[in-house]
């Protein structure tokens, strides 16, 4: 599991670099990963980035919040106004 998580972190960092963005040098930014397992035994990773200085969460790729059946699906969300649209 540790190898997969490290691979996931590398993939996200590579994606950020390809877009001329980085989380390095951002002391108040955390990458949050969650490994989940499907019924067939395969696993996948969900993620988000939390920028504490701006007090927001975001994704490195487009994410349609309409895909969420409820804002409560995002861990740590305590109020629907916490979820918004950010333009980099």
N, C-alpha and C. Protein backbone atom coordinates (compact mmCIF):
# COMPACT_ATOMS: atom_id res chain seq x y z
N UNK A 1 0.83 -1.18 0.00
CA UNK A 1 0.00 0.00 0.00
C UNK A 1 0.88 1.26 0.00
N UNK A 2 1.98 1.23 0.78
CA UNK A 2 2.87 2.38 0.84
C UNK A 2 3.46 2.70 -0.53
N UNK A 3 3.84 1.66 -1.27
CA UNK A 3 4.38 1.88 -2.62
C UNK A 3 3.35 2.55 -3.52
N UNK A 4 2.10 2.13 -3.43
CA UNK A 4 1.04 2.73 -4.26
C UNK A 4 0.80 4.18 -3.87
N UNK A 5 0.78 4.46 -2.59
CA UNK A 5 0.56 5.83 -2.13
C UNK A 5 1.71 6.73 -2.60
N UNK A 6 2.95 6.25 -2.47
CA UNK A 6 4.09 7.03 -2.95
C UNK A 6 3.99 7.25 -4.46
N UNK A 7 3.55 6.25 -5.20
CA UNK A 7 3.36 6.38 -6.64
C UNK A 7 2.28 7.42 -6.95
N UNK A 8 1.19 7.40 -6.18
CA UNK A 8 0.12 8.38 -6.36
C UNK A 8 0.62 9.80 -6.11
N UNK A 9 1.41 9.98 -5.06
CA UNK A 9 1.97 11.30 -4.74
C UNK A 9 2.86 11.77 -5.89
N UNK A 10 3.71 10.87 -6.39
CA UNK A 10 4.59 11.22 -7.52
C UNK A 10 3.78 11.61 -8.75
N UNK A 11 2.70 10.88 -9.02
CA UNK A 11 1.86 11.17 -10.19
C UNK A 11 1.22 12.56 -10.07
N UNK A 12 0.74 12.91 -8.89
CA UNK A 12 0.14 14.22 -8.68
C UNK A 12 1.19 15.31 -8.80
N UNK A 13 2.37 15.10 -8.21
CA UNK A 13 3.44 16.09 -8.33
C UNK A 13 3.89 16.25 -9.79
N UNK A 14 3.97 15.15 -10.54
CA UNK A 14 4.33 15.22 -11.96
C UNK A 14 3.28 16.02 -12.74
N UNK A 15 2.03 15.79 -12.44
CA UNK A 15 0.94 16.51 -13.11
C UNK A 15 1.03 18.00 -12.82
N UNK A 16 1.29 18.34 -11.55
CA UNK A 16 1.43 19.75 -11.18
C UNK A 16 2.60 20.40 -11.93
N UNK A 17 3.74 19.71 -11.98
CA UNK A 17 4.90 20.25 -12.69
C UNK A 17 4.60 20.46 -14.16
N UNK A 18 3.87 19.53 -14.79
CA UNK A 18 3.52 19.64 -16.21
C UNK A 18 2.66 20.87 -16.46
N UNK A 19 1.95 21.34 -15.44
CA UNK A 19 1.10 22.53 -15.57
C UNK A 19 1.77 23.77 -14.97
N UNK A 20 3.09 23.66 -14.74
CA UNK A 20 3.86 24.77 -14.15
C UNK A 20 3.31 25.21 -12.80
N UNK A 21 2.88 24.23 -12.03
CA UNK A 21 2.39 24.48 -10.68
C UNK A 21 3.14 23.54 -9.75
N UNK A 22 3.17 23.85 -8.49
CA UNK A 22 3.85 22.99 -7.54
C UNK A 22 3.25 23.15 -6.16
N UNK A 23 3.39 22.12 -5.35
CA UNK A 23 2.97 22.24 -3.95
C UNK A 23 4.20 22.36 -3.06
N UNK A 24 5.39 22.18 -3.66
CA UNK A 24 6.64 22.33 -2.91
C UNK A 24 6.82 23.81 -2.55
N UNK A 25 7.34 24.07 -1.38
CA UNK A 25 7.51 25.44 -0.93
C UNK A 25 6.21 26.08 -0.47
N UNK A 26 5.16 25.28 -0.38
CA UNK A 26 3.86 25.77 0.09
C UNK A 26 3.63 25.15 1.48
N UNK A 27 4.17 25.77 2.52
CA UNK A 27 4.11 25.14 3.85
C UNK A 27 2.71 24.98 4.40
N UNK A 28 1.76 25.71 3.85
CA UNK A 28 0.40 25.62 4.39
C UNK A 28 -0.52 24.89 3.44
N UNK A 29 0.06 23.98 2.62
CA UNK A 29 -0.74 23.21 1.68
C UNK A 29 -0.52 21.71 1.95
N UNK A 30 -1.61 20.99 2.09
CA UNK A 30 -1.54 19.56 2.35
C UNK A 30 -2.19 18.79 1.21
N UNK A 31 -1.59 17.66 0.87
CA UNK A 31 -2.16 16.70 -0.07
C UNK A 31 -2.81 15.61 0.76
N UNK A 32 -4.09 15.38 0.52
CA UNK A 32 -4.84 14.37 1.28
C UNK A 32 -5.20 13.23 0.33
N UNK A 33 -4.80 12.02 0.69
CA UNK A 33 -5.08 10.83 -0.12
C UNK A 33 -5.93 9.86 0.68
N UNK A 34 -6.81 9.17 -0.05
CA UNK A 34 -7.61 8.11 0.57
C UNK A 34 -7.61 6.92 -0.37
N UNK A 35 -7.10 5.79 0.10
CA UNK A 35 -7.10 4.56 -0.69
C UNK A 35 -8.39 3.80 -0.40
N UNK A 36 -9.07 3.43 -1.48
CA UNK A 36 -10.33 2.69 -1.35
C UNK A 36 -10.22 1.40 -2.14
N UNK A 37 -11.00 0.42 -1.75
CA UNK A 37 -10.98 -0.86 -2.43
C UNK A 37 -12.35 -1.16 -3.03
N UNK A 38 -12.30 -1.61 -4.28
CA UNK A 38 -13.53 -2.02 -4.96
C UNK A 38 -13.92 -3.43 -4.53
N UNK A 39 -15.14 -3.80 -4.86
CA UNK A 39 -15.62 -5.15 -4.51
C UNK A 39 -14.79 -6.24 -5.18
N UNK A 40 -14.21 -5.94 -6.36
CA UNK A 40 -13.42 -6.95 -7.07
C UNK A 40 -11.99 -7.07 -6.52
N UNK A 41 -11.66 -6.29 -5.47
CA UNK A 41 -10.35 -6.37 -4.84
C UNK A 41 -9.36 -5.33 -5.34
N UNK A 42 -9.65 -4.69 -6.46
CA UNK A 42 -8.75 -3.65 -6.96
C UNK A 42 -8.92 -2.40 -6.10
N UNK A 43 -7.92 -1.53 -6.14
CA UNK A 43 -8.00 -0.33 -5.32
C UNK A 43 -7.76 0.91 -6.17
N UNK A 44 -8.14 2.04 -5.61
CA UNK A 44 -7.96 3.32 -6.28
C UNK A 44 -7.76 4.39 -5.21
N UNK A 45 -7.30 5.55 -5.66
CA UNK A 45 -7.00 6.63 -4.72
C UNK A 45 -7.85 7.86 -5.02
N UNK A 46 -8.43 8.43 -3.99
CA UNK A 46 -9.09 9.72 -4.08
C UNK A 46 -8.16 10.74 -3.43
N UNK A 47 -8.23 11.99 -3.87
CA UNK A 47 -7.35 12.99 -3.31
C UNK A 47 -8.02 14.36 -3.33
N UNK A 48 -7.47 15.26 -2.57
CA UNK A 48 -7.71 16.69 -2.73
C UNK A 48 -6.52 17.41 -2.10
N UNK A 49 -6.36 18.67 -2.45
CA UNK A 49 -5.33 19.51 -1.86
C UNK A 49 -6.02 20.55 -0.98
N UNK A 50 -5.44 20.82 0.17
CA UNK A 50 -5.97 21.82 1.09
C UNK A 50 -4.96 22.95 1.22
N UNK A 51 -5.37 24.14 0.86
CA UNK A 51 -4.54 25.33 0.99
C UNK A 51 -5.02 26.07 2.23
N UNK A 52 -4.24 25.96 3.30
CA UNK A 52 -4.67 26.54 4.58
C UNK A 52 -4.59 28.07 4.57
N UNK A 53 -3.66 28.63 3.78
CA UNK A 53 -3.56 30.09 3.75
C UNK A 53 -4.78 30.71 3.08
N UNK A 54 -5.37 30.00 2.10
CA UNK A 54 -6.57 30.50 1.42
C UNK A 54 -7.85 29.87 1.98
N UNK A 55 -7.66 28.91 2.88
CA UNK A 55 -8.77 28.20 3.51
C UNK A 55 -9.70 27.56 2.49
N UNK A 56 -9.10 26.78 1.57
CA UNK A 56 -9.90 26.12 0.55
C UNK A 56 -9.32 24.75 0.19
N UNK A 57 -10.16 23.93 -0.39
CA UNK A 57 -9.69 22.68 -0.96
C UNK A 57 -9.80 22.79 -2.47
N UNK A 58 -8.94 22.04 -3.17
CA UNK A 58 -9.00 22.06 -4.62
C UNK A 58 -8.41 20.79 -5.18
N UNK A 59 -8.61 20.59 -6.47
CA UNK A 59 -8.11 19.44 -7.20
C UNK A 59 -7.19 19.95 -8.30
N UNK A 60 -6.21 19.14 -8.73
CA UNK A 60 -5.29 19.61 -9.77
C UNK A 60 -5.90 19.48 -11.16
N UNK A 61 -6.96 18.73 -11.28
CA UNK A 61 -7.64 18.63 -12.57
C UNK A 61 -9.08 19.11 -12.39
N UNK A 62 -9.78 19.27 -13.50
CA UNK A 62 -11.17 19.73 -13.40
C UNK A 62 -11.99 18.73 -12.62
N UNK A 63 -12.85 19.25 -11.80
CA UNK A 63 -13.73 18.41 -11.00
C UNK A 63 -15.10 19.07 -10.97
N UNK A 64 -16.07 18.39 -11.50
CA UNK A 64 -17.43 18.91 -11.54
C UNK A 64 -18.12 18.58 -10.23
N UNK A 65 -18.37 19.61 -9.41
CA UNK A 65 -18.99 19.36 -8.12
C UNK A 65 -20.40 18.81 -8.24
N UNK A 66 -20.98 18.92 -9.44
CA UNK A 66 -22.31 18.34 -9.65
C UNK A 66 -22.25 16.81 -9.57
N UNK A 67 -21.03 16.24 -9.72
CA UNK A 67 -20.88 14.79 -9.61
C UNK A 67 -21.09 14.31 -8.19
N UNK A 68 -21.00 15.20 -7.23
CA UNK A 68 -21.24 14.83 -5.84
C UNK A 68 -22.74 14.80 -5.59
N UNK A 69 -23.19 13.72 -5.01
CA UNK A 69 -24.62 13.67 -4.71
C UNK A 69 -24.94 14.57 -3.52
N UNK A 70 -23.93 14.88 -2.75
CA UNK A 70 -24.12 15.76 -1.60
C UNK A 70 -22.79 16.38 -1.24
N UNK A 71 -22.79 17.62 -0.79
CA UNK A 71 -21.54 18.24 -0.35
C UNK A 71 -20.96 17.50 0.83
N UNK A 72 -21.75 16.73 1.54
CA UNK A 72 -21.26 15.97 2.69
C UNK A 72 -20.30 14.85 2.29
N UNK A 73 -20.19 14.54 0.99
CA UNK A 73 -19.27 13.50 0.55
C UNK A 73 -17.81 13.93 0.69
N UNK A 74 -17.55 15.20 0.86
CA UNK A 74 -16.18 15.67 1.01
C UNK A 74 -15.87 15.70 2.49
N UNK A 75 -14.89 14.89 2.89
CA UNK A 75 -14.54 14.81 4.30
C UNK A 75 -14.07 16.16 4.81
N UNK A 76 -14.49 16.51 5.99
CA UNK A 76 -14.08 17.75 6.61
C UNK A 76 -14.99 18.92 6.31
N UNK A 77 -15.90 18.75 5.36
CA UNK A 77 -16.83 19.83 5.03
C UNK A 77 -17.88 19.91 6.14
N UNK A 78 -18.06 21.09 6.67
CA UNK A 78 -19.05 21.26 7.73
C UNK A 78 -20.21 22.14 7.31
N UNK A 79 -20.07 22.75 6.13
CA UNK A 79 -21.10 23.68 5.66
C UNK A 79 -21.05 23.72 4.14
N UNK A 80 -22.20 23.73 3.46
CA UNK A 80 -22.18 23.74 1.99
C UNK A 80 -21.52 24.98 1.39
N UNK A 81 -21.41 26.06 2.16
CA UNK A 81 -20.75 27.26 1.62
C UNK A 81 -19.24 27.09 1.54
N UNK A 82 -18.70 26.04 2.16
CA UNK A 82 -17.27 25.77 2.05
C UNK A 82 -16.90 25.31 0.65
N UNK A 83 -17.84 24.81 -0.10
CA UNK A 83 -17.60 24.27 -1.42
C UNK A 83 -17.89 25.35 -2.45
N UNK A 84 -16.90 25.69 -3.24
CA UNK A 84 -17.08 26.74 -4.22
C UNK A 84 -16.22 26.50 -5.44
N UNK A 85 -16.24 27.44 -6.35
CA UNK A 85 -15.46 27.34 -7.58
C UNK A 85 -14.25 28.25 -7.47
N UNK A 86 -13.08 27.70 -7.77
CA UNK A 86 -11.85 28.46 -7.75
C UNK A 86 -11.27 28.50 -9.14
N UNK A 87 -10.80 29.63 -9.55
CA UNK A 87 -10.14 29.78 -10.85
C UNK A 87 -8.68 30.06 -10.58
N UNK A 88 -7.76 29.20 -11.06
CA UNK A 88 -6.34 29.41 -10.76
C UNK A 88 -5.80 30.67 -11.42
